[in-house]
Every structure is written in C-alpha cells, then in structure tokens.
Amino acid sequence: MPLDFTKHFVAVPTEFKLRNNIGCSWKVTVKLMNGRVTLDQGWATYAAVHQIKIGHMVTFKLLTPDTLKVIIFDDDGIEVVNKCRKHDDAFAAKE
C-alpha cells in the first residue's frame, strides 16, 4: 500500500477483510516490509480465486478501519464481477 494511504489509520491493523463487489468477504493478514504495508497471508489465494491477472487493475476503498472494498477491472477496463464461491474456511471472513 502506498504510504499516503496508511496515513488514514490510527494504527494499521494486522488483518483486513477484503469485500468484493457483491459483498463476499475474505481475510488477509498485513505485514510491514521495507517501510510499506503489504497484504500477506491470504492475498495470493484471493488473487487466484478471483482470477486477478497481469493487466488487471485492482482498486481498494477503505470502508471501515479493517475492511477494504476491492474492485477488479480487466485489461479492457471492464469491472469484473465474481460470483461468491465456497471460500476456503482458512481464508474466508466469518460474517
């Protein structure tokens, strides 16, 4: 995450819920690396399940101190709508 984005936090959480465009949530851990906040455990699986590919643009909007809305656009700039699949219990957020 850009450092300017992290200025919006009183304290950066150790975990975020990523909420997609149809309301499904996914948990990822947060890690500080080289002075930057990065999405860690759970992100690679999220990217694979939601079929994020090179050329896609991913946007994040802070909804609550620990929830980010994620919108994915394909390489043509069209929003990708993912149907909720059965998420792996180790990564899916409990609502």
PDB file of N, CA and C in Angstrom:
ATOM      1  N   MET A   1       0.835  -1.174   0.000  1.00  0.00           N
ATOM      2  CA  MET A   1       0.000   0.000   0.000  1.00  0.00           C
ATOM      3  C   MET A   1       0.880   1.238   0.000  1.00  0.00           C
ATOM      4  N   PRO A   2       0.482   2.245  -0.710  1.00  0.00           N
ATOM      5  CA  PRO A   2       1.250   3.488  -0.667  1.00  0.00           C
ATOM      6  C   PRO A   2       1.270   4.075   0.745  1.00  0.00           C
ATOM      7  N   LEU A   3       2.353   4.694   1.105  1.00  0.00           N
ATOM      8  CA  LEU A   3       2.465   5.276   2.440  1.00  0.00           C
ATOM      9  C   LEU A   3       1.407   6.340   2.671  1.00  0.00           C
ATOM     10  N   ASP A   4       1.019   7.088   1.641  1.00  0.00           N
ATOM     11  CA  ASP A   4      -0.039   8.095   1.797  1.00  0.00           C
ATOM     12  C   ASP A   4      -1.352   7.453   2.247  1.00  0.00           C
ATOM     13  N   PHE A   5      -1.619   6.235   1.788  1.00  0.00           N
ATOM     14  CA  PHE A   5      -2.844   5.531   2.162  1.00  0.00           C
ATOM     15  C   PHE A   5      -2.820   5.164   3.641  1.00  0.00           C
ATOM     16  N   THR A   6      -1.670   4.751   4.144  1.00  0.00           N
ATOM     17  CA  THR A   6      -1.582   4.299   5.538  1.00  0.00           C
ATOM     18  C   THR A   6      -1.703   5.446   6.532  1.00  0.00           C
ATOM     19  N   LYS A   7      -1.587   6.687   6.062  1.00  0.00           N
ATOM     20  CA  LYS A   7      -1.767   7.833   6.959  1.00  0.00           C
ATOM     21  C   LYS A   7      -3.193   7.931   7.479  1.00  0.00           C
ATOM     22  N   HIS A   8      -4.134   7.248   6.846  1.00  0.00           N
ATOM     23  CA  HIS A   8      -5.538   7.294   7.253  1.00  0.00           C
ATOM     24  C   HIS A   8      -5.837   6.391   8.451  1.00  0.00           C
ATOM     25  N   PHE A   9      -4.851   5.659   8.918  1.00  0.00           N
ATOM     26  CA  PHE A   9      -5.038   4.741  10.039  1.00  0.00           C
ATOM     27  C   PHE A   9      -4.428   5.315  11.305  1.00  0.00           C
ATOM     28  N   VAL A  10      -5.151   5.176  12.417  1.00  0.00           N
ATOM     29  CA  VAL A  10      -4.558   5.497  13.716  1.00  0.00           C
ATOM     30  C   VAL A  10      -3.466   4.471  13.977  1.00  0.00           C
ATOM     31  N   ALA A  11      -3.800   3.212  13.743  1.00  0.00           N
ATOM     32  CA  ALA A  11      -2.841   2.106  13.807  1.00  0.00           C
ATOM     33  C   ALA A  11      -3.214   1.148  12.677  1.00  0.00           C
ATOM     34  N   VAL A  12      -2.241   0.724  11.902  1.00  0.00           N
ATOM     35  CA  VAL A  12      -2.515  -0.195  10.794  1.00  0.00           C
ATOM     36  C   VAL A  12      -2.902  -1.547  11.388  1.00  0.00           C
ATOM     37  N   PRO A  13      -4.067  -2.094  10.982  1.00  0.00           N
ATOM     38  CA  PRO A  13      -4.493  -3.386  11.520  1.00  0.00           C
ATOM     39  C   PRO A  13      -3.567  -4.516  11.082  1.00  0.00           C
ATOM     40  N   THR A  14      -3.606  -5.625  11.815  1.00  0.00           N
ATOM     41  CA  THR A  14      -2.797  -6.788  11.442  1.00  0.00           C
ATOM     42  C   THR A  14      -3.527  -7.661  10.423  1.00  0.00           C
ATOM     43  N   GLU A  15      -4.791  -7.330  10.186  1.00  0.00           N
ATOM     44  CA  GLU A  15      -5.620  -8.129   9.287  1.00  0.00           C
ATOM     45  C   GLU A  15      -6.674  -7.222   8.651  1.00  0.00           C
ATOM     46  N   PHE A  16      -6.970  -7.475   7.389  1.00  0.00           N
ATOM     47  CA  PHE A  16      -8.048  -6.773   6.699  1.00  0.00           C
ATOM     48  C   PHE A  16      -9.064  -7.774   6.201  1.00  0.00           C
ATOM     49  N   LYS A  17     -10.316  -7.331   6.118  1.00  0.00           N
ATOM     50  CA  LYS A  17     -11.331  -8.058   5.373  1.00  0.00           C
ATOM     51  C   LYS A  17     -11.412  -7.368   4.025  1.00  0.00           C
ATOM     52  N   LEU A  18     -11.307  -8.149   2.972  1.00  0.00           N
ATOM     53  CA  LEU A  18     -11.468  -7.629   1.621  1.00  0.00           C
ATOM     54  C   LEU A  18     -12.885  -7.955   1.191  1.00  0.00           C
ATOM     55  N   ARG A  19     -13.656  -6.947   0.860  1.00  0.00           N
ATOM     56  CA  ARG A  19     -15.048  -7.150   0.446  1.00  0.00           C
ATOM     57  C   ARG A  19     -15.136  -6.883  -1.048  1.00  0.00           C
ATOM     58  N   ASN A  20     -15.690  -7.840  -1.797  1.00  0.00           N
ATOM     59  CA  ASN A  20     -15.773  -7.645  -3.248  1.00  0.00           C
ATOM     60  C   ASN A  20     -17.058  -6.930  -3.635  1.00  0.00           C
ATOM     61  N   ASN A  21     -17.304  -6.815  -4.937  1.00  0.00           N
ATOM     62  CA  ASN A  21     -18.420  -6.028  -5.434  1.00  0.00           C
ATOM     63  C   ASN A  21     -19.794  -6.663  -5.229  1.00  0.00           C
ATOM     64  N   ILE A  22     -19.851  -7.889  -4.747  1.00  0.00           N
ATOM     65  CA  ILE A  22     -21.153  -8.488  -4.438  1.00  0.00           C
ATOM     66  C   ILE A  22     -21.268  -8.851  -2.960  1.00  0.00           C
ATOM     67  N   GLY A  23     -20.355  -8.313  -2.135  1.00  0.00           N
ATOM     68  CA  GLY A  23     -20.492  -8.438  -0.691  1.00  0.00           C
ATOM     69  C   GLY A  23     -19.767  -9.590  -0.031  1.00  0.00           C
ATOM     70  N   CYS A  24     -19.105 -10.453  -0.779  1.00  0.00           N
ATOM     71  CA  CYS A  24     -18.341 -11.534  -0.160  1.00  0.00           C
ATOM     72  C   CYS A  24     -17.093 -10.951   0.496  1.00  0.00           C
ATOM     73  N   SER A  25     -16.687 -11.539   1.613  1.00  0.00           N
ATOM     74  CA  SER A  25     -15.501 -11.057   2.329  1.00  0.00           C
ATOM     75  C   SER A  25     -14.443 -12.136   2.406  1.00  0.00           C
ATOM     76  N   TRP A  26     -13.214 -11.694   2.535  1.00  0.00           N
ATOM     77  CA  TRP A  26     -12.052 -12.576   2.559  1.00  0.00           C
ATOM     78  C   TRP A  26     -11.042 -11.972   3.518  1.00  0.00           C
ATOM     79  N   LYS A  27     -10.443 -12.772   4.381  1.00  0.00           N
ATOM     80  CA  LYS A  27      -9.446 -12.260   5.323  1.00  0.00           C
ATOM     81  C   LYS A  27      -8.037 -12.379   4.762  1.00  0.00           C
ATOM     82  N   VAL A  28      -7.252 -11.323   4.952  1.00  0.00           N
ATOM     83  CA  VAL A  28      -5.823 -11.349   4.629  1.00  0.00           C
ATOM     84  C   VAL A  28      -5.066 -10.714   5.781  1.00  0.00           C
ATOM     85  N   THR A  29      -3.857 -11.190   6.009  1.00  0.00           N
ATOM     86  CA  THR A  29      -3.031 -10.571   7.040  1.00  0.00           C
ATOM     87  C   THR A  29      -2.238  -9.426   6.420  1.00  0.00           C
ATOM     88  N   VAL A  30      -1.740  -8.561   7.286  1.00  0.00           N
ATOM     89  CA  VAL A  30      -0.990  -7.383   6.865  1.00  0.00           C
ATOM     90  C   VAL A  30       0.421  -7.505   7.422  1.00  0.00           C
ATOM     91  N   LYS A  31       1.397  -7.086   6.616  1.00  0.00           N
ATOM     92  CA  LYS A  31       2.793  -7.198   7.024  1.00  0.00           C
ATOM     93  C   LYS A  31       3.520  -5.907   6.663  1.00  0.00           C
ATOM     94  N   LEU A  32       4.392  -5.457   7.555  1.00  0.00           N
ATOM     95  CA  LEU A  32       5.226  -4.297   7.268  1.00  0.00           C
ATOM     96  C   LEU A  32       6.524  -4.800   6.648  1.00  0.00           C
ATOM     97  N   MET A  33       6.823  -4.315   5.422  1.00  0.00           N
ATOM     98  CA  MET A  33       8.013  -4.775   4.725  1.00  0.00           C
ATOM     99  C   MET A  33       8.651  -3.577   4.015  1.00  0.00           C
ATOM    100  N   ASN A  34       9.918  -3.304   4.334  1.00  0.00           N
ATOM    101  CA  ASN A  34      10.644  -2.185   3.730  1.00  0.00           C
ATOM    102  C   ASN A  34       9.899  -0.862   3.886  1.00  0.00           C
ATOM    103  N   GLY A  35       9.300  -0.667   5.074  1.00  0.00           N
ATOM    104  CA  GLY A  35       8.593   0.572   5.355  1.00  0.00           C
ATOM    105  C   GLY A  35       7.240   0.702   4.679  1.00  0.00           C
ATOM    106  N   ARG A  36       6.759  -0.380   4.081  1.00  0.00           N
ATOM    107  CA  ARG A  36       5.456  -0.371   3.408  1.00  0.00           C
ATOM    108  C   ARG A  36       4.553  -1.434   4.003  1.00  0.00           C
ATOM    109  N   VAL A  37       3.285  -1.161   3.965  1.00  0.00           N
ATOM    110  CA  VAL A  37       2.293  -2.132   4.414  1.00  0.00           C
ATOM    111  C   VAL A  37       1.907  -2.981   3.211  1.00  0.00           C
ATOM    112  N   THR A  38       2.003  -4.301   3.358  1.00  0.00           N
ATOM    113  CA  THR A  38       1.655  -5.209   2.265  1.00  0.00           C
ATOM    114  C   THR A  38       0.607  -6.210   2.727  1.00  0.00           C
ATOM    115  N   LEU A  39      -0.206  -6.672   1.782  1.00  0.00           N
ATOM    116  CA  LEU A  39      -1.151  -7.752   2.065  1.00  0.00           C
ATOM    117  C   LEU A  39      -0.361  -9.039   1.984  1.00  0.00           C
ATOM    118  N   ASP A  40      -0.508  -9.895   2.995  1.00  0.00           N
ATOM    119  CA  ASP A  40       0.349 -11.071   3.106  1.00  0.00           C
ATOM    120  C   ASP A  40      -0.485 -12.339   2.978  1.00  0.00           C
ATOM    121  N   GLN A  41      -0.591 -13.095   4.044  1.00  0.00           N
ATOM    122  CA  GLN A  41      -1.272 -14.390   4.002  1.00  0.00           C
ATOM    123  C   GLN A  41      -2.729 -14.208   3.592  1.00  0.00           C
ATOM    124  N   GLY A  42      -3.128 -14.968   2.618  1.00  0.00           N
ATOM    125  CA  GLY A  42      -4.488 -14.900   2.106  1.00  0.00           C
ATOM    126  C   GLY A  42      -4.591 -14.148   0.786  1.00  0.00           C
ATOM    127  N   TRP A  43      -3.658 -13.228   0.526  1.00  0.00           N
ATOM    128  CA  TRP A  43      -3.738 -12.444  -0.707  1.00  0.00           C
ATOM    129  C   TRP A  43      -3.511 -13.294  -1.948  1.00  0.00           C
ATOM    130  N   ALA A  44      -2.511 -14.157  -1.949  1.00  0.00           N
ATOM    131  CA  ALA A  44      -2.232 -14.984  -3.131  1.00  0.00           C
ATOM    132  C   ALA A  44      -3.433 -15.870  -3.461  1.00  0.00           C
ATOM    133  N   THR A  45      -4.060 -16.438  -2.436  1.00  0.00           N
ATOM    134  CA  THR A  45      -5.235 -17.277  -2.657  1.00  0.00           C
ATOM    135  C   THR A  45      -6.401 -16.432  -3.163  1.00  0.00           C
ATOM    136  N   TYR A  46      -6.587 -15.239  -2.578  1.00  0.00           N
ATOM    137  CA  TYR A  46      -7.638 -14.322  -3.029  1.00  0.00           C
ATOM    138  C   TYR A  46      -7.444 -13.991  -4.513  1.00  0.00           C
ATOM    139  N   ALA A  47      -6.213 -13.639  -4.885  1.00  0.00           N
ATOM    140  CA  ALA A  47      -5.917 -13.282  -6.271  1.00  0.00           C
ATOM    141  C   ALA A  47      -6.188 -14.455  -7.211  1.00  0.00           C
ATOM    142  N   ALA A  48      -5.848 -15.669  -6.784  1.00  0.00           N
ATOM    143  CA  ALA A  48      -6.086 -16.849  -7.622  1.00  0.00           C
ATOM    144  C   ALA A  48      -7.580 -17.142  -7.752  1.00  0.00           C
ATOM    145  N   VAL A  49      -8.295 -17.131  -6.635  1.00  0.00           N
ATOM    146  CA  VAL A  49      -9.729 -17.435  -6.652  1.00  0.00           C
ATOM    147  C   VAL A  49     -10.500 -16.404  -7.472  1.00  0.00           C
ATOM    148  N   HIS A  50     -10.091 -15.139  -7.374  1.00  0.00           N
ATOM    149  CA  HIS A  50     -10.782 -14.071  -8.097  1.00  0.00           C
ATOM    150  C   HIS A  50     -10.172 -13.805  -9.474  1.00  0.00           C
ATOM    151  N   GLN A  51      -9.242 -14.668  -9.868  1.00  0.00           N
ATOM    152  CA  GLN A  51      -8.652 -14.667 -11.206  1.00  0.00           C
ATOM    153  C   GLN A  51      -8.073 -13.308 -11.603  1.00  0.00           C
ATOM    154  N   ILE A  52      -7.320 -12.705 -10.673  1.00  0.00           N
ATOM    155  CA  ILE A  52      -6.632 -11.447 -10.971  1.00  0.00           C
ATOM    156  C   ILE A  52      -5.414 -11.788 -11.822  1.00  0.00           C
ATOM    157  N   LYS A  53      -5.326 -11.143 -12.968  1.00  0.00           N
ATOM    158  CA  LYS A  53      -4.254 -11.438 -13.915  1.00  0.00           C
ATOM    159  C   LYS A  53      -3.424 -10.194 -14.191  1.00  0.00           C
ATOM    160  N   ILE A  54      -2.262 -10.388 -14.777  1.00  0.00           N
ATOM    161  CA  ILE A  54      -1.439  -9.267 -15.226  1.00  0.00           C
ATOM    162  C   ILE A  54      -2.266  -8.454 -16.218  1.00  0.00           C
ATOM    163  N   GLY A  55      -2.281  -7.150 -16.042  1.00  0.00           N
ATOM    164  CA  GLY A  55      -3.079  -6.276 -16.890  1.00  0.00           C
ATOM    165  C   GLY A  55      -4.368  -5.834 -16.230  1.00  0.00           C
ATOM    166  N   HIS A  56      -4.788  -6.548 -15.182  1.00  0.00           N
ATOM    167  CA  HIS A  56      -5.973  -6.136 -14.436  1.00  0.00           C
ATOM    168  C   HIS A  56      -5.603  -4.993 -13.500  1.00  0.00           C
ATOM    169  N   MET A  57      -6.569  -4.135 -13.213  1.00  0.00           N
ATOM    170  CA  MET A  57      -6.371  -3.069 -12.243  1.00  0.00           C
ATOM    171  C   MET A  57      -7.223  -3.405 -11.022  1.00  0.00           C
ATOM    172  N   VAL A  58      -6.630  -3.278  -9.851  1.00  0.00           N
ATOM    173  CA  VAL A  58      -7.327  -3.575  -8.612  1.00  0.00           C
ATOM    174  C   VAL A  58      -7.378  -2.296  -7.791  1.00  0.00           C
ATOM    175  N   THR A  59      -8.591  -1.898  -7.373  1.00  0.00           N
ATOM    176  CA  THR A  59      -8.745  -0.706  -6.544  1.00  0.00           C
ATOM    177  C   THR A  59      -9.188  -1.116  -5.149  1.00  0.00           C
ATOM    178  N   PHE A  60      -8.777  -0.331  -4.158  1.00  0.00           N
ATOM    179  CA  PHE A  60      -9.121  -0.579  -2.767  1.00  0.00           C
ATOM    180  C   PHE A  60      -9.737   0.689  -2.199  1.00  0.00           C
ATOM    181  N   LYS A  61     -10.869   0.535  -1.508  1.00  0.00           N
ATOM    182  CA  LYS A  61     -11.507   1.661  -0.832  1.00  0.00           C
ATOM    183  C   LYS A  61     -11.683   1.280   0.628  1.00  0.00           C
ATOM    184  N   LEU A  62     -11.234   2.143   1.525  1.00  0.00           N
ATOM    185  CA  LEU A  62     -11.346   1.886   2.950  1.00  0.00           C
ATOM    186  C   LEU A  62     -12.795   2.101   3.377  1.00  0.00           C
ATOM    187  N   LEU A  63     -13.452   1.019   3.851  1.00  0.00           N
ATOM    188  CA  LEU A  63     -14.842   1.109   4.313  1.00  0.00           C
ATOM    189  C   LEU A  63     -14.908   1.311   5.822  1.00  0.00           C
ATOM    190  N   THR A  64     -14.115   0.540   6.542  1.00  0.00           N
ATOM    191  CA  THR A  64     -14.003   0.647   7.997  1.00  0.00           C
ATOM    192  C   THR A  64     -12.517   0.504   8.308  1.00  0.00           C
ATOM    193  N   PRO A  65     -12.107   0.725   9.555  1.00  0.00           N
ATOM    194  CA  PRO A  65     -10.678   0.613   9.858  1.00  0.00           C
ATOM    195  C   PRO A  65     -10.041  -0.731   9.500  1.00  0.00           C
ATOM    196  N   ASP A  66     -10.861  -1.793   9.335  1.00  0.00           N
ATOM    197  CA  ASP A  66     -10.280  -3.094   8.991  1.00  0.00           C
ATOM    198  C   ASP A  66     -10.931  -3.751   7.774  1.00  0.00           C
ATOM    199  N   THR A  67     -11.674  -2.972   6.976  1.00  0.00           N
ATOM    200  CA  THR A  67     -12.353  -3.527   5.798  1.00  0.00           C
ATOM    201  C   THR A  67     -12.063  -2.679   4.571  1.00  0.00           C
ATOM    202  N   LEU A  68     -11.627  -3.352   3.516  1.00  0.00           N
ATOM    203  CA  LEU A  68     -11.363  -2.689   2.236  1.00  0.00           C
ATOM    204  C   LEU A  68     -12.316  -3.241   1.181  1.00  0.00           C
ATOM    205  N   LYS A  69     -12.935  -2.352   0.415  1.00  0.00           N
ATOM    206  CA  LYS A  69     -13.718  -2.800  -0.733  1.00  0.00           C
ATOM    207  C   LYS A  69     -12.748  -2.953  -1.894  1.00  0.00           C
ATOM    208  N   VAL A  70     -12.810  -4.091  -2.563  1.00  0.00           N
ATOM    209  CA  VAL A  70     -11.914  -4.393  -3.678  1.00  0.00           C
ATOM    210  C   VAL A  70     -12.740  -4.455  -4.957  1.00  0.00           C
ATOM    211  N   ILE A  71     -12.326  -3.671  -5.945  1.00  0.00           N
ATOM    212  CA  ILE A  71     -12.964  -3.737  -7.263  1.00  0.00           C
ATOM    213  C   ILE A  71     -11.864  -4.071  -8.267  1.00  0.00           C
ATOM    214  N   ILE A  72     -12.144  -5.057  -9.098  1.00  0.00           N
ATOM    215  CA  ILE A  72     -11.179  -5.544 -10.087  1.00  0.00           C
ATOM    216  C   ILE A  72     -11.685  -5.171 -11.476  1.00  0.00           C
ATOM    217  N   PHE A  73     -10.800  -4.605 -12.289  1.00  0.00           N
ATOM    218  CA  PHE A  73     -11.111  -4.273 -13.681  1.00  0.00           C
ATOM    219  C   PHE A  73     -10.210  -5.107 -14.581  1.00  0.00           C
ATOM    220  N   ASP A  74     -10.782  -5.652 -15.662  1.00  0.00           N
ATOM    221  CA  ASP A  74      -9.968  -6.444 -16.578  1.00  0.00           C
ATOM    222  C   ASP A  74      -9.120  -5.526 -17.461  1.00  0.00           C
ATOM    223  N   ASP A  75      -8.363  -6.116 -18.372  1.00  0.00           N
ATOM    224  CA  ASP A  75      -7.445  -5.311 -19.183  1.00  0.00           C
ATOM    225  C   ASP A  75      -8.160  -4.429 -20.198  1.00  0.00           C
ATOM    226  N   ASP A  76      -9.480  -4.562 -20.333  1.00  0.00           N
ATOM    227  CA  ASP A  76     -10.274  -3.663 -21.173  1.00  0.00           C
ATOM    228  C   ASP A  76     -10.934  -2.566 -20.344  1.00  0.00           C
ATOM    229  N   GLY A  77     -10.671  -2.564 -19.021  1.00  0.00           N
ATOM    230  CA  GLY A  77     -11.252  -1.556 -18.139  1.00  0.00           C
ATOM    231  C   GLY A  77     -12.664  -1.866 -17.694  1.00  0.00           C
ATOM    232  N   ILE A  78     -13.109  -3.109 -17.903  1.00  0.00           N
ATOM    233  CA  ILE A  78     -14.459  -3.516 -17.517  1.00  0.00           C
ATOM    234  C   ILE A  78     -14.401  -4.164 -16.139  1.00  0.00           C
ATOM    235  N   GLU A  79     -15.337  -3.751 -15.276  1.00  0.00           N
ATOM    236  CA  GLU A  79     -15.362  -4.304 -13.926  1.00  0.00           C
ATOM    237  C   GLU A  79     -15.648  -5.799 -13.976  1.00  0.00           C
ATOM    238  N   VAL A  80     -14.852  -6.550 -13.235  1.00  0.00           N
ATOM    239  CA  VAL A  80     -15.014  -7.996 -13.138  1.00  0.00           C
ATOM    240  C   VAL A  80     -15.975  -8.284 -11.992  1.00  0.00           C
ATOM    241  N   VAL A  81     -17.024  -9.034 -12.282  1.00  0.00           N
ATOM    242  CA  VAL A  81     -17.985  -9.412 -11.242  1.00  0.00           C
ATOM    243  C   VAL A  81     -17.773 -10.883 -10.939  1.00  0.00           C
ATOM    244  N   ASN A  82     -17.345 -11.158  -9.714  1.00  0.00           N
ATOM    245  CA  ASN A  82     -17.092 -12.537  -9.299  1.00  0.00           C
ATOM    246  C   ASN A  82     -18.251 -13.046  -8.461  1.00  0.00           C
ATOM    247  N   LYS A  83     -18.778 -14.189  -8.849  1.00  0.00           N
ATOM    248  CA  LYS A  83     -19.785 -14.827  -8.014  1.00  0.00           C
ATOM    249  C   LYS A  83     -19.075 -15.431  -6.825  1.00  0.00           C
ATOM    250  N   CYS A  84     -19.726 -15.394  -5.669  1.00  0.00           N
ATOM    251  CA  CYS A  84     -19.117 -15.993  -4.480  1.00  0.00           C
ATOM    252  C   CYS A  84     -19.096 -17.501  -4.648  1.00  0.00           C
ATOM    253  N   ARG A  85     -17.926 -18.028  -4.517  1.00  0.00           N
ATOM    254  CA  ARG A  85     -17.769 -19.479  -4.483  1.00  0.00           C
ATOM    255  C   ARG A  85     -17.613 -19.858  -3.027  1.00  0.00           C
ATOM    256  N   LYS A  86     -17.611 -21.136  -2.761  1.00  0.00           N
ATOM    257  CA  LYS A  86     -17.337 -21.607  -1.401  1.00  0.00           C
ATOM    258  C   LYS A  86     -15.875 -21.292  -1.112  1.00  0.00           C
ATOM    259  N   HIS A  87     -15.619 -20.296  -0.254  1.00  0.00           N
ATOM    260  CA  HIS A  87     -14.255 -19.924   0.088  1.00  0.00           C
ATOM    261  C   HIS A  87     -13.684 -20.899   1.102  1.00  0.00           C
ATOM    262  N   ASP A  88     -12.418 -21.116   1.011  1.00  0.00           N
ATOM    263  CA  ASP A  88     -11.703 -21.939   1.970  1.00  0.00           C
ATOM    264  C   ASP A  88     -11.872 -21.329   3.361  1.00  0.00           C
ATOM    265  N   ASP A  89     -12.317 -22.122   4.331  1.00  0.00           N
ATOM    266  CA  ASP A  89     -12.592 -21.612   5.675  1.00  0.00           C
ATOM    267  C   ASP A  89     -11.375 -20.963   6.319  1.00  0.00           C
ATOM    268  N   ALA A  90     -10.188 -21.341   5.898  1.00  0.00           N
ATOM    269  CA  ALA A  90      -8.979 -20.754   6.488  1.00  0.00           C
ATOM    270  C   ALA A  90      -8.817 -19.295   6.078  1.00  0.00           C
ATOM    271  N   PHE A  91      -9.419 -18.886   4.973  1.00  0.00           N
ATOM    272  CA  PHE A  91      -9.229 -17.532   4.457  1.00  0.00           C
ATOM    273  C   PHE A  91     -10.498 -16.704   4.438  1.00  0.00           C
ATOM    274  N   ALA A  92     -11.658 -17.339   4.337  1.00  0.00           N
ATOM    275  CA  ALA A  92     -12.902 -16.579   4.226  1.00  0.00           C
ATOM    276  C   ALA A  92     -13.240 -15.926   5.558  1.00  0.00           C
ATOM    277  N   ALA A  93     -13.749 -14.706   5.480  1.00  0.00           N
ATOM    278  CA  ALA A  93     -14.131 -13.975   6.703  1.00  0.00           C
ATOM    279  C   ALA A  93     -15.488 -14.466   7.166  1.00  0.00           C
ATOM    280  N   LYS A  94     -15.626 -14.597   8.427  1.00  0.00           N
ATOM    281  CA  LYS A  94     -16.921 -15.001   9.011  1.00  0.00           C
ATOM    282  C   LYS A  94     -17.755 -13.756   9.224  1.00  0.00           C
ATOM    283  N   GLU A  95     -18.939 -13.752   8.697  1.00  0.00           N
ATOM    284  CA  GLU A  95     -19.838 -12.595   8.857  1.00  0.00           C
ATOM    285  C   GLU A  95     -20.834 -12.879   9.951  1.00  0.00           C
TER     286      GLU A  95
END
